[in-house]
C-alpha atoms as a PDB file:
ATOM      1  CA  UNK A   1      78.246  48.062 110.741  1.00  0.00           C
ATOM      2  CA  UNK A   2      77.394  44.400 110.260  1.00  0.00           C
ATOM      3  CA  UNK A   3      74.057  43.129 111.557  1.00  0.00           C
ATOM      4  CA  UNK A   4      75.114  40.580 114.168  1.00  0.00           C
ATOM      5  CA  UNK A   5      71.725  38.861 113.893  1.00  0.00           C
ATOM      6  CA  UNK A   6      72.301  37.929 110.242  1.00  0.00           C
ATOM      7  CA  UNK A   7      74.953  35.246 109.943  1.00  0.00           C
ATOM      8  CA  UNK A   8      76.078  33.834 106.607  1.00  0.00           C
ATOM      9  CA  UNK A   9      78.365  31.080 105.313  1.00  0.00           C
ATOM     10  CA  UNK A  10      79.708  31.299 101.761  1.00  0.00           C
ATOM     11  CA  UNK A  11      80.489  28.032  99.932  1.00  0.00           C
ATOM     12  CA  UNK A  12      82.703  28.286  96.858  1.00  0.00           C
ATOM     13  CA  UNK A  13      85.266  26.614  94.623  1.00  0.00           C
ATOM     14  CA  UNK A  14      88.468  27.859  93.017  1.00  0.00           C
ATOM     15  CA  UNK A  15      86.683  29.063  89.868  1.00  0.00           C
ATOM     16  CA  UNK A  16      84.461  31.424  91.877  1.00  0.00           C
ATOM     17  CA  UNK A  17      87.024  32.859  94.305  1.00  0.00           C
ATOM     18  CA  UNK A  18      87.083  36.262  92.605  1.00  0.00           C
ATOM     19  CA  UNK A  19      83.288  36.425  92.784  1.00  0.00           C
ATOM     20  CA  UNK A  20      83.350  35.279  96.424  1.00  0.00           C
ATOM     21  CA  UNK A  21      85.815  38.058  97.268  1.00  0.00           C
ATOM     22  CA  UNK A  22      83.559  40.664  95.635  1.00  0.00           C
ATOM     23  CA  UNK A  23      80.561  39.383  97.569  1.00  0.00           C
ATOM     24  CA  UNK A  24      82.380  39.310 100.898  1.00  0.00           C
ATOM     25  CA  UNK A  25      83.541  42.895 100.371  1.00  0.00           C
ATOM     26  CA  UNK A  26      79.963  43.888  99.563  1.00  0.00           C
ATOM     27  CA  UNK A  27      78.403  42.082 102.536  1.00  0.00           C
ATOM     28  CA  UNK A  28      80.984  42.255 105.337  1.00  0.00           C
ATOM     29  CA  UNK A  29      79.665  45.572 106.667  1.00  0.00           C
ATOM     30  CA  UNK A  30      76.021  44.501 106.387  1.00  0.00           C
ATOM     31  CA  UNK A  31      75.964  40.922 107.718  1.00  0.00           C
ATOM     32  CA  UNK A  32      78.181  38.727 109.852  1.00  0.00           C
ATOM     33  CA  UNK A  33      80.077  36.292 107.643  1.00  0.00           C
ATOM     34  CA  UNK A  34      80.838  33.284 109.824  1.00  0.00           C
ATOM     35  CA  UNK A  35      83.039  31.171 107.543  1.00  0.00           C
ATOM     36  CA  UNK A  36      84.088  30.234 104.034  1.00  0.00           C
ATOM     37  CA  UNK A  37      83.705  26.627 102.915  1.00  0.00           C
ATOM     38  CA  UNK A  38      84.071  24.577  99.786  1.00  0.00           C
ATOM     39  CA  UNK A  39      86.816  23.153  97.628  1.00  0.00           C
ATOM     40  CA  UNK A  40      90.075  22.639  99.536  1.00  0.00           C
ATOM     41  CA  UNK A  41      92.446  24.435  97.201  1.00  0.00           C
ATOM     42  CA  UNK A  42      95.060  27.092  97.893  1.00  0.00           C
ATOM     43  CA  UNK A  43      92.954  29.874  96.370  1.00  0.00           C
ATOM     44  CA  UNK A  44      89.895  29.058  98.492  1.00  0.00           C
ATOM     45  CA  UNK A  45      91.814  28.615 101.742  1.00  0.00           C
ATOM     46  CA  UNK A  46      93.723  31.825 100.984  1.00  0.00           C
ATOM     47  CA  UNK A  47      90.400  33.602 100.544  1.00  0.00           C
ATOM     48  CA  UNK A  48      89.314  32.538 104.027  1.00  0.00           C
ATOM     49  CA  UNK A  49      92.673  33.519 105.495  1.00  0.00           C
ATOM     50  CA  UNK A  50      92.663  36.930 103.786  1.00  0.00           C
ATOM     51  CA  UNK A  51      89.358  37.787 105.472  1.00  0.00           C
ATOM     52  CA  UNK A  52      90.349  36.071 108.748  1.00  0.00           C
ATOM     53  CA  UNK A  53      87.487  33.579 108.432  1.00  0.00           C
ATOM     54  CA  UNK A  54      87.351  29.884 109.380  1.00  0.00           C
ATOM     55  CA  UNK A  55      87.494  27.378 106.494  1.00  0.00           C
ATOM     56  CA  UNK A  56      86.287  23.803 106.096  1.00  0.00           C
ATOM     57  CA  UNK A  57      85.583  21.535 103.143  1.00  0.00           C
ATOM     58  CA  UNK A  58      83.044  19.507 105.182  1.00  0.00           C
ATOM     59  CA  UNK A  59      79.648  21.176 104.768  1.00  0.00           C
ATOM     60  CA  UNK A  60      77.968  19.448 107.694  1.00  0.00           C
ATOM     61  CA  UNK A  61      80.860  20.211 110.027  1.00  0.00           C
ATOM     62  CA  UNK A  62      81.034  23.884 109.084  1.00  0.00           C
ATOM     63  CA  UNK A  63      77.301  24.277 109.740  1.00  0.00           C
ATOM     64  CA  UNK A  64      77.603  22.568 113.135  1.00  0.00           C
ATOM     65  CA  UNK A  65      80.640  24.601 114.145  1.00  0.00           C
ATOM     66  CA  UNK A  66      79.222  27.887 112.805  1.00  0.00           C
ATOM     67  CA  UNK A  67      75.385  27.645 112.680  1.00  0.00           C
ATOM     68  CA  UNK A  68      74.252  30.264 110.126  1.00  0.00           C
ATOM     69  CA  UNK A  69      70.939  31.904 109.368  1.00  0.00           C
ATOM     70  CA  UNK A  70      71.803  31.793 105.681  1.00  0.00           C
ATOM     71  CA  UNK A  71      73.928  29.907 103.139  1.00  0.00           C
ATOM     72  CA  UNK A  72      75.203  31.258  99.837  1.00  0.00           C
ATOM     73  CA  UNK A  73      76.369  28.581  97.388  1.00  0.00           C
ATOM     74  CA  UNK A  74      78.647  29.789  94.602  1.00  0.00           C
ATOM     75  CA  UNK A  75      79.434  26.127  93.912  1.00  0.00           C
ATOM     76  CA  UNK A  76      77.457  22.935  94.428  1.00  0.00           C
ATOM     77  CA  UNK A  77      80.560  20.735  94.771  1.00  0.00           C
ATOM     78  CA  UNK A  78      80.231  18.280  97.685  1.00  0.00           C
ATOM     79  CA  UNK A  79      76.671  19.460  98.401  1.00  0.00           C
ATOM     80  CA  UNK A  80      74.126  16.645  98.620  1.00  0.00           C
ATOM     81  CA  UNK A  81      70.340  16.684  98.555  1.00  0.00           C
ATOM     82  CA  UNK A  82      70.434  15.442 102.143  1.00  0.00           C
ATOM     83  CA  UNK A  83      72.418  18.558 103.100  1.00  0.00           C
ATOM     84  CA  UNK A  84      69.825  20.778 101.440  1.00  0.00           C
ATOM     85  CA  UNK A  85      67.000  18.943 103.195  1.00  0.00           C
ATOM     86  CA  UNK A  86      68.731  19.521 106.541  1.00  0.00           C
ATOM     87  CA  UNK A  87      68.920  23.249 105.775  1.00  0.00           C
ATOM     88  CA  UNK A  88      65.252  23.319 104.791  1.00  0.00           C
ATOM     89  CA  UNK A  89      64.257  21.619 108.042  1.00  0.00           C
ATOM     90  CA  UNK A  90      66.286  24.213 109.947  1.00  0.00           C
ATOM     91  CA  UNK A  91      64.427  26.955 108.020  1.00  0.00           C
ATOM     92  CA  UNK A  92      67.728  28.282 106.791  1.00  0.00           C
ATOM     93  CA  UNK A  93      67.672  30.853 103.979  1.00  0.00           C
ATOM     94  CA  UNK A  94      69.629  29.294 101.105  1.00  0.00           C
ATOM     95  CA  UNK A  95      70.748  30.958  97.878  1.00  0.00           C
ATOM     96  CA  UNK A  96      72.627  29.607  94.888  1.00  0.00           C
ATOM     97  CA  UNK A  97      73.886  31.114  91.634  1.00  0.00           C
ATOM     98  CA  UNK A  98      72.888  28.020  89.671  1.00  0.00           C
ATOM     99  CA  UNK A  99      69.673  25.929  89.929  1.00  0.00           C
ATOM    100  CA  UNK A 100      70.123  22.931  92.209  1.00  0.00           C
ATOM    101  CA  UNK A 101      68.799  20.468  89.630  1.00  0.00           C
ATOM    102  CA  UNK A 102      68.047  20.412  85.913  1.00  0.00           C
ATOM    103  CA  UNK A 103      65.890  17.282  86.221  1.00  0.00           C
ATOM    104  CA  UNK A 104      62.196  18.161  86.127  1.00  0.00           C
ATOM    105  CA  UNK A 105      61.161  15.143  88.211  1.00  0.00           C
ATOM    106  CA  UNK A 106      63.592  16.184  90.991  1.00  0.00           C
ATOM    107  CA  UNK A 107      62.041  19.614  91.492  1.00  0.00           C
ATOM    108  CA  UNK A 108      60.684  19.687  95.038  1.00  0.00           C
ATOM    109  CA  UNK A 109      60.041  21.961  97.991  1.00  0.00           C
ATOM    110  CA  UNK A 110      63.676  21.488  98.996  1.00  0.00           C
ATOM    111  CA  UNK A 111      65.133  22.437  95.624  1.00  0.00           C
ATOM    112  CA  UNK A 112      62.940  25.511  94.984  1.00  0.00           C
ATOM    113  CA  UNK A 113      63.656  26.881  98.455  1.00  0.00           C
ATOM    114  CA  UNK A 114      67.266  27.201  97.315  1.00  0.00           C
ATOM    115  CA  UNK A 115      66.631  30.590  95.715  1.00  0.00           C
ATOM    116  CA  UNK A 116      68.445  31.468  92.511  1.00  0.00           C
ATOM    117  CA  UNK A 117      70.436  34.712  92.445  1.00  0.00           C
ATOM    118  CA  UNK A 118      70.361  37.177  90.835  1.00  0.00           C
ATOM    119  CA  UNK A 119      66.743  37.095  89.660  1.00  0.00           C
ATOM    120  CA  UNK A 120      65.502  39.623  87.124  1.00  0.00           C
ATOM    121  CA  UNK A 121      62.208  40.068  88.962  1.00  0.00           C
ATOM    122  CA  UNK A 122      64.177  41.423  91.948  1.00  0.00           C
ATOM    123  CA  UNK A 123      66.161  44.044  90.016  1.00  0.00           C
ATOM    124  CA  UNK A 124      65.495  47.715  90.757  1.00  0.00           C
ATOM    125  CA  UNK A 125      63.992  48.456  87.350  1.00  0.00           C
ATOM    126  CA  UNK A 126      61.383  45.711  87.643  1.00  0.00           C
ATOM    127  CA  UNK A 127      60.432  46.334  91.278  1.00  0.00           C
ATOM    128  CA  UNK A 128      60.080  50.082  90.667  1.00  0.00           C
ATOM    129  CA  UNK A 129      57.730  49.422  87.739  1.00  0.00           C
ATOM    130  CA  UNK A 130      55.072  48.266  90.278  1.00  0.00           C
ATOM    131  CA  UNK A 131      52.541  46.330  88.145  1.00  0.00           C
ATOM    132  CA  UNK A 132      54.265  46.234  84.726  1.00  0.00           C
ATOM    133  CA  UNK A 133      51.372  44.569  82.867  1.00  0.00           C
ATOM    134  CA  UNK A 134      48.615  46.867  84.098  1.00  0.00           C
ATOM    135  CA  UNK A 135      48.973  49.506  81.356  1.00  0.00           C
ATOM    136  CA  UNK A 136      49.928  47.284  78.422  1.00  0.00           C
ATOM    137  CA  UNK A 137      46.541  45.920  77.427  1.00  0.00           C
ATOM    138  CA  UNK A 138      46.848  42.754  75.356  1.00  0.00           C
ATOM    139  CA  UNK A 139      50.458  41.549  75.540  1.00  0.00           C
ATOM    140  CA  UNK A 140      51.708  40.876  72.017  1.00  0.00           C
ATOM    141  CA  UNK A 141      55.439  40.236  72.321  1.00  0.00           C
ATOM    142  CA  UNK A 142      58.169  39.745  74.925  1.00  0.00           C
ATOM    143  CA  UNK A 143      61.810  40.411  74.080  1.00  0.00           C
ATOM    144  CA  UNK A 144      64.308  39.414  76.774  1.00  0.00           C
ATOM    145  CA  UNK A 145      68.093  39.797  76.859  1.00  0.00           C
ATOM    146  CA  UNK A 146      70.364  38.373  79.563  1.00  0.00           C
ATOM    147  CA  UNK A 147      74.031  38.314  78.627  1.00  0.00           C
ATOM    148  CA  UNK A 148      77.340  38.417  80.482  1.00  0.00           C
ATOM    149  CA  UNK A 149      80.724  36.787  80.779  1.00  0.00           C
ATOM    150  CA  UNK A 150      81.590  33.250  81.827  1.00  0.00           C
ATOM    151  CA  UNK A 151      82.836  34.661  85.141  1.00  0.00           C
ATOM    152  CA  UNK A 152      79.253  35.659  85.966  1.00  0.00           C
ATOM    153  CA  UNK A 153      76.060  33.597  85.710  1.00  0.00           C
ATOM    154  CA  UNK A 154      76.184  30.371  83.730  1.00  0.00           C
ATOM    155  CA  UNK A 155      74.061  30.053  80.603  1.00  0.00           C
ATOM    156  CA  UNK A 156      71.993  27.414  82.414  1.00  0.00           C
ATOM    157  CA  UNK A 157      71.245  29.825  85.269  1.00  0.00           C
ATOM    158  CA  UNK A 158      70.352  32.632  82.849  1.00  0.00           C
ATOM    159  CA  UNK A 159      68.053  30.290  80.929  1.00  0.00           C
ATOM    160  CA  UNK A 160      66.128  29.145  83.994  1.00  0.00           C
ATOM    161  CA  UNK A 161      65.815  32.630  85.506  1.00  0.00           C
ATOM    162  CA  UNK A 162      64.633  34.058  82.163  1.00  0.00           C
ATOM    163  CA  UNK A 163      61.986  31.395  81.682  1.00  0.00           C
ATOM    164  CA  UNK A 164      60.776  31.609  85.295  1.00  0.00           C
ATOM    165  CA  UNK A 165      60.347  35.352  84.946  1.00  0.00           C
ATOM    166  CA  UNK A 166      58.579  35.129  81.587  1.00  0.00           C
ATOM    167  CA  UNK A 167      56.292  32.340  82.797  1.00  0.00           C
ATOM    168  CA  UNK A 168      55.245  34.527  85.730  1.00  0.00           C
ATOM    169  CA  UNK A 169      53.707  36.820  83.081  1.00  0.00           C
ATOM    170  CA  UNK A 170      52.292  34.498  80.416  1.00  0.00           C
ATOM    171  CA  UNK A 171      51.416  30.866  79.731  1.00  0.00           C
ATOM    172  CA  UNK A 172      53.944  28.384  78.407  1.00  0.00           C
ATOM    173  CA  UNK A 173      54.662  28.807  74.685  1.00  0.00           C
ATOM    174  CA  UNK A 174      53.232  26.198  72.335  1.00  0.00           C
ATOM    175  CA  UNK A 175      56.631  25.769  70.629  1.00  0.00           C
ATOM    176  CA  UNK A 176      60.205  27.028  70.894  1.00  0.00           C
ATOM    177  CA  UNK A 177      62.912  27.256  68.244  1.00  0.00           C
ATOM    178  CA  UNK A 178      66.471  27.709  69.530  1.00  0.00           C
ATOM    179  CA  UNK A 179      69.951  28.186  68.082  1.00  0.00           C
ATOM    180  CA  UNK A 180      73.063  27.724  70.233  1.00  0.00           C
ATOM    181  CA  UNK A 181      76.332  29.145  68.898  1.00  0.00           C
ATOM    182  CA  UNK A 182      79.278  27.711  70.814  1.00  0.00           C
ATOM    183  CA  UNK A 183      82.886  26.654  70.388  1.00  0.00           C
ATOM    184  CA  UNK A 184      81.925  23.379  72.088  1.00  0.00           C
ATOM    185  CA  UNK A 185      79.579  20.638  70.849  1.00  0.00           C
ATOM    186  CA  UNK A 186      75.990  21.051  72.011  1.00  0.00           C
ATOM    187  CA  UNK A 187      75.761  18.876  75.141  1.00  0.00           C
ATOM    188  CA  UNK A 188      72.965  16.558  76.191  1.00  0.00           C
ATOM    189  CA  UNK A 189      73.208  17.928  79.751  1.00  0.00           C
ATOM    190  CA  UNK A 190      71.395  21.219  80.254  1.00  0.00           C
ATOM    191  CA  UNK A 191      73.823  22.252  82.989  1.00  0.00           C
ATOM    192  CA  UNK A 192      76.768  22.179  80.572  1.00  0.00           C
ATOM    193  CA  UNK A 193      75.440  24.484  77.873  1.00  0.00           C
ATOM    194  CA  UNK A 194      77.606  27.480  77.029  1.00  0.00           C
ATOM    195  CA  UNK A 195      77.815  30.117  74.309  1.00  0.00           C
ATOM    196  CA  UNK A 196      75.245  32.402  72.674  1.00  0.00           C
ATOM    197  CA  UNK A 197      71.640  31.174  72.717  1.00  0.00           C
ATOM    198  CA  UNK A 198      68.829  32.676  70.613  1.00  0.00           C
ATOM    199  CA  UNK A 199      65.241  31.527  71.222  1.00  0.00           C
ATOM    200  CA  UNK A 200      61.891  32.226  69.629  1.00  0.00           C
ATOM    201  CA  UNK A 201      58.720  31.007  71.301  1.00  0.00           C
ATOM    202  CA  UNK A 202      55.223  30.979  69.791  1.00  0.00           C
ATOM    203  CA  UNK A 203      52.306  31.841  72.075  1.00  0.00           C
ATOM    204  CA  UNK A 204      48.844  30.330  71.727  1.00  0.00           C
ATOM    205  CA  UNK A 205      47.178  33.727  71.278  1.00  0.00           C
ATOM    206  CA  UNK A 206      49.375  34.711  68.358  1.00  0.00           C
ATOM    207  CA  UNK A 207      52.074  36.498  70.329  1.00  0.00           C
ATOM    208  CA  UNK A 208      55.726  35.555  70.574  1.00  0.00           C
ATOM    209  CA  UNK A 209      58.758  35.518  72.834  1.00  0.00           C
ATOM    210  CA  UNK A 210      62.267  36.342  71.664  1.00  0.00           C
ATOM    211  CA  UNK A 211      65.261  35.736  73.923  1.00  0.00           C
ATOM    212  CA  UNK A 212      68.991  36.367  73.640  1.00  0.00           C
ATOM    213  CA  UNK A 213      71.113  34.714  76.325  1.00  0.00           C
ATOM    214  CA  UNK A 214      74.879  34.357  76.582  1.00  0.00           C
ATOM    215  CA  UNK A 215      77.664  33.510  79.019  1.00  0.00           C
ATOM    216  CA  UNK A 216      80.302  34.691  76.517  1.00  0.00           C
ATOM    217  CA  UNK A 217      79.222  38.314  76.003  1.00  0.00           C
ATOM    218  CA  UNK A 218      81.679  41.194  76.129  1.00  0.00           C
ATOM    219  CA  UNK A 219      79.335  43.282  78.309  1.00  0.00           C
ATOM    220  CA  UNK A 220      76.814  42.374  81.006  1.00  0.00           C
ATOM    221  CA  UNK A 221      73.254  43.445  80.220  1.00  0.00           C
ATOM    222  CA  UNK A 222      69.721  42.420  81.154  1.00  0.00           C
ATOM    223  CA  UNK A 223      66.668  43.953  79.514  1.00  0.00           C
ATOM    224  CA  UNK A 224      63.039  43.062  78.988  1.00  0.00           C
ATOM    225  CA  UNK A 225      60.851  44.803  76.405  1.00  0.00           C
ATOM    226  CA  UNK A 226      57.106  44.189  76.592  1.00  0.00           C
ATOM    227  CA  UNK A 227      55.071  45.215  73.550  1.00  0.00           C
ATOM    228  CA  UNK A 228      51.361  45.537  74.295  1.00  0.00           C
ATOM    229  CA  UNK A 229      48.343  46.756  72.382  1.00  0.00           C
ATOM    230  CA  UNK A 230      48.024  49.885  74.571  1.00  0.00           C
ATOM    231  CA  UNK A 231      51.610  50.553  75.705  1.00  0.00           C
ATOM    232  CA  UNK A 232      55.212  49.426  75.570  1.00  0.00           C
ATOM    233  CA  UNK A 233      57.535  48.863  78.519  1.00  0.00           C
ATOM    234  CA  UNK A 234      61.345  48.691  78.642  1.00  0.00           C
ATOM    235  CA  UNK A 235      62.971  47.431  81.852  1.00  0.00           C
ATOM    236  CA  UNK A 236      66.650  46.993  82.770  1.00  0.00           C
ATOM    237  CA  UNK A 237      68.436  46.460  86.082  1.00  0.00           C
ATOM    238  CA  UNK A 238      68.549  50.213  86.670  1.00  0.00           C
ATOM    239  CA  UNK A 239      65.567  51.784  84.876  1.00  0.00           C
ATOM    240  CA  UNK A 240      62.138  51.393  83.334  1.00  0.00           C
ATOM    241  CA  UNK A 241      60.285  53.394  80.688  1.00  0.00           C
ATOM    242  CA  UNK A 242      56.601  53.075  79.831  1.00  0.00           C
ATOM    243  CA  UNK A 243      55.500  54.468  76.446  1.00  0.00           C
ATOM    244  CA  UNK A 244      52.271  54.909  74.549  1.00  0.00           C
ATOM    245  CA  UNK A 245      52.371  53.388  71.030  1.00  0.00           C
ATOM    246  CA  UNK A 246      52.909  56.903  69.575  1.00  0.00           C
ATOM    247  CA  UNK A 247      56.083  57.345  71.613  1.00  0.00           C
ATOM    248  CA  UNK A 248      54.656  59.542  74.374  1.00  0.00           C
ATOM    249  CA  UNK A 249      56.244  58.576  77.678  1.00  0.00           C
ATOM    250  CA  UNK A 250      53.724  57.631  80.364  1.00  0.00           C
ATOM    251  CA  UNK A 251      56.067  56.881  83.245  1.00  0.00           C
ATOM    252  CA  UNK A 252      59.768  56.336  83.882  1.00  0.00           C
ATOM    253  CA  UNK A 253      62.315  55.765  86.624  1.00  0.00           C
ATOM    254  CA  UNK A 254      66.103  55.564  86.645  1.00  0.00           C
ATOM    255  CA  UNK A 255      68.533  54.583  89.366  1.00  0.00           C
ATOM    256  CA  UNK A 256      71.123  57.233  90.186  1.00  0.00           C
ATOM    257  CA  UNK A 257      73.921  54.695  90.590  1.00  0.00           C
ATOM    258  CA  UNK A 258      75.798  52.900  87.837  1.00  0.00           C
ATOM    259  CA  UNK A 259      74.892  49.434  86.597  1.00  0.00           C
ATOM    260  CA  UNK A 260      75.833  46.998  89.396  1.00  0.00           C
ATOM    261  CA  UNK A 261      78.289  44.214  88.625  1.00  0.00           C
ATOM    262  CA  UNK A 262      77.278  40.564  88.980  1.00  0.00           C
ATOM    263  CA  UNK A 263      78.761  40.352  92.486  1.00  0.00           C
ATOM    264  CA  UNK A 264      76.701  43.355  93.596  1.00  0.00           C
ATOM    265  CA  UNK A 265      73.506  41.856  92.176  1.00  0.00           C
ATOM    266  CA  UNK A 266      74.130  38.627  94.112  1.00  0.00           C
ATOM    267  CA  UNK A 267      75.077  40.486  97.311  1.00  0.00           C
ATOM    268  CA  UNK A 268      72.075  42.803  97.215  1.00  0.00           C
ATOM    269  CA  UNK A 269      69.663  39.950  96.522  1.00  0.00           C
ATOM    270  CA  UNK A 270      71.113  37.851  99.326  1.00  0.00           C
ATOM    271  CA  UNK A 271      71.052  40.744 101.803  1.00  0.00           C
ATOM    272  CA  UNK A 272      67.462  41.660 100.907  1.00  0.00           C
ATOM    273  CA  UNK A 273      66.315  38.082 101.498  1.00  0.00           C
ATOM    274  CA  UNK A 274      68.173  37.774 104.795  1.00  0.00           C
ATOM    275  CA  UNK A 275      66.809  41.050 106.160  1.00  0.00           C
ATOM    276  CA  UNK A 276      63.259  40.623 104.870  1.00  0.00           C
ATOM    277  CA  UNK A 277      62.673  36.943 104.057  1.00  0.00           C
ATOM    278  CA  UNK A 278      58.892  37.310 103.592  1.00  0.00           C
ATOM    279  CA  UNK A 279      58.979  40.287 101.200  1.00  0.00           C
ATOM    280  CA  UNK A 280      58.389  38.148  98.107  1.00  0.00           C
ATOM    281  CA  UNK A 281      56.894  35.046  99.675  1.00  0.00           C
ATOM    282  CA  UNK A 282      55.342  32.686  97.129  1.00  0.00           C
ATOM    283  CA  UNK A 283      53.786  29.368  98.096  1.00  0.00           C
ATOM    284  CA  UNK A 284      55.830  26.240  97.420  1.00  0.00           C
ATOM    285  CA  UNK A 285      53.311  24.747  94.975  1.00  0.00           C
ATOM    286  CA  UNK A 286      53.562  27.823  92.730  1.00  0.00           C
ATOM    287  CA  UNK A 287      57.361  27.775  92.933  1.00  0.00           C
ATOM    288  CA  UNK A 288      57.479  24.076  92.047  1.00  0.00           C
ATOM    289  CA  UNK A 289      55.082  24.461  89.105  1.00  0.00           C
ATOM    290  CA  UNK A 290      56.969  27.470  87.771  1.00  0.00           C
ATOM    291  CA  UNK A 291      60.386  25.801  88.078  1.00  0.00           C
ATOM    292  CA  UNK A 292      59.111  22.650  86.372  1.00  0.00           C
ATOM    293  CA  UNK A 293      57.629  24.711  83.546  1.00  0.00           C
ATOM    294  CA  UNK A 294      60.853  26.732  83.232  1.00  0.00           C
ATOM    295  CA  UNK A 295      62.913  23.543  83.029  1.00  0.00           C
ATOM    296  CA  UNK A 296      60.472  22.129  80.480  1.00  0.00           C
ATOM    297  CA  UNK A 297      61.045  25.200  78.305  1.00  0.00           C
ATOM    298  CA  UNK A 298      64.807  25.041  78.908  1.00  0.00           C
ATOM    299  CA  UNK A 299      65.020  21.373  77.904  1.00  0.00           C
ATOM    300  CA  UNK A 300      62.875  22.099  74.845  1.00  0.00           C
ATOM    301  CA  UNK A 301      65.341  24.850  73.864  1.00  0.00           C
ATOM    302  CA  UNK A 302      68.293  22.463  74.239  1.00  0.00           C
ATOM    303  CA  UNK A 303      66.586  19.758  72.147  1.00  0.00           C
ATOM    304  CA  UNK A 304      65.637  22.303  69.485  1.00  0.00           C
ATOM    305  CA  UNK A 305      69.234  23.557  69.350  1.00  0.00           C
ATOM    306  CA  UNK A 306      70.461  19.974  68.930  1.00  0.00           C
ATOM    307  CA  UNK A 307      67.935  18.920  66.280  1.00  0.00           C
ATOM    308  CA  UNK A 308      67.468  22.213  64.432  1.00  0.00           C
ATOM    309  CA  UNK A 309      63.695  21.797  64.703  1.00  0.00           C
ATOM    310  CA  UNK A 310      61.016  23.483  66.877  1.00  0.00           C
ATOM    311  CA  UNK A 311      60.174  21.663  70.097  1.00  0.00           C
ATOM    312  CA  UNK A 312      57.072  21.604  72.301  1.00  0.00           C
ATOM    313  CA  UNK A 313      57.749  22.416  76.010  1.00  0.00           C
ATOM    314  CA  UNK A 314      54.450  20.861  77.151  1.00  0.00           C
ATOM    315  CA  UNK A 315      55.462  17.532  75.598  1.00  0.00           C
ATOM    316  CA  UNK A 316      58.816  17.624  77.403  1.00  0.00           C
ATOM    317  CA  UNK A 317      57.067  18.392  80.672  1.00  0.00           C
ATOM    318  CA  UNK A 318      54.596  15.525  80.265  1.00  0.00           C
ATOM    319  CA  UNK A 319      57.382  13.038  79.556  1.00  0.00           C
ATOM    320  CA  UNK A 320      59.541  13.997  82.552  1.00  0.00           C
ATOM    321  CA  UNK A 321      57.204  14.885  85.392  1.00  0.00           C
END
């Protein structure tokens, strides 16, 4: 039965209607969905009609007519910074599937309070691992994979989430070297990147980061492997395994259910935040610093992919903040 105290509006466009339908089906028995808003096209209005929900393409009007406790943006079309500031002032819980801005200088309290979904640090494997770094000793290498189809998270969203998670564990790399394989020319705009992205980052202490990201993968998969001096940890959305260097398993956990689809990851993350908004509370200054650093690394990866040369994230950050 839906929790009548948790009221949500979903904002979408035609490209994300299938995803919106999955999310509504996942959430309709857990929260009260007040309305569907977004692009005024037949597919979006049909979505609202199919679930017997009000529709409007005017964001301010839909929030006045149906005041929600939370907003879920599957599209940022017709959403202004002023709208987001209004939601922040109303202490509304806001989630998006793509970062609100790719401009480092525009990162603010308003933009970071629009939480990105799904985040790897909220997946079951990572949360069950408790304190993943405690048993590793000196951290030597991080290997991170986040791949899926174009119908799921954009490459831009995967890039920012990956870097934010990694930077919650270690300092910014001194240099990154990236290769983007795509059927389209490499864009200047970070938000438009697409294809398969491989990244290698060099850490100041001699360690390294390796990342594989894609929005054109045949299968969805997220995995982080942490190689430490004393132990090694493998984490996915549904399991974790902690090993000694000789292969002896120290600890492990596995979810009994199958790997959730992208819509389930978004739904579960949104529901968890709406029901327990202070569970993972982090101060705004930390969120802003981490998002700026993540965007600095992301821009450095894009520049490296364009030039074919290593790039320094700290230099990018200094130039844009």
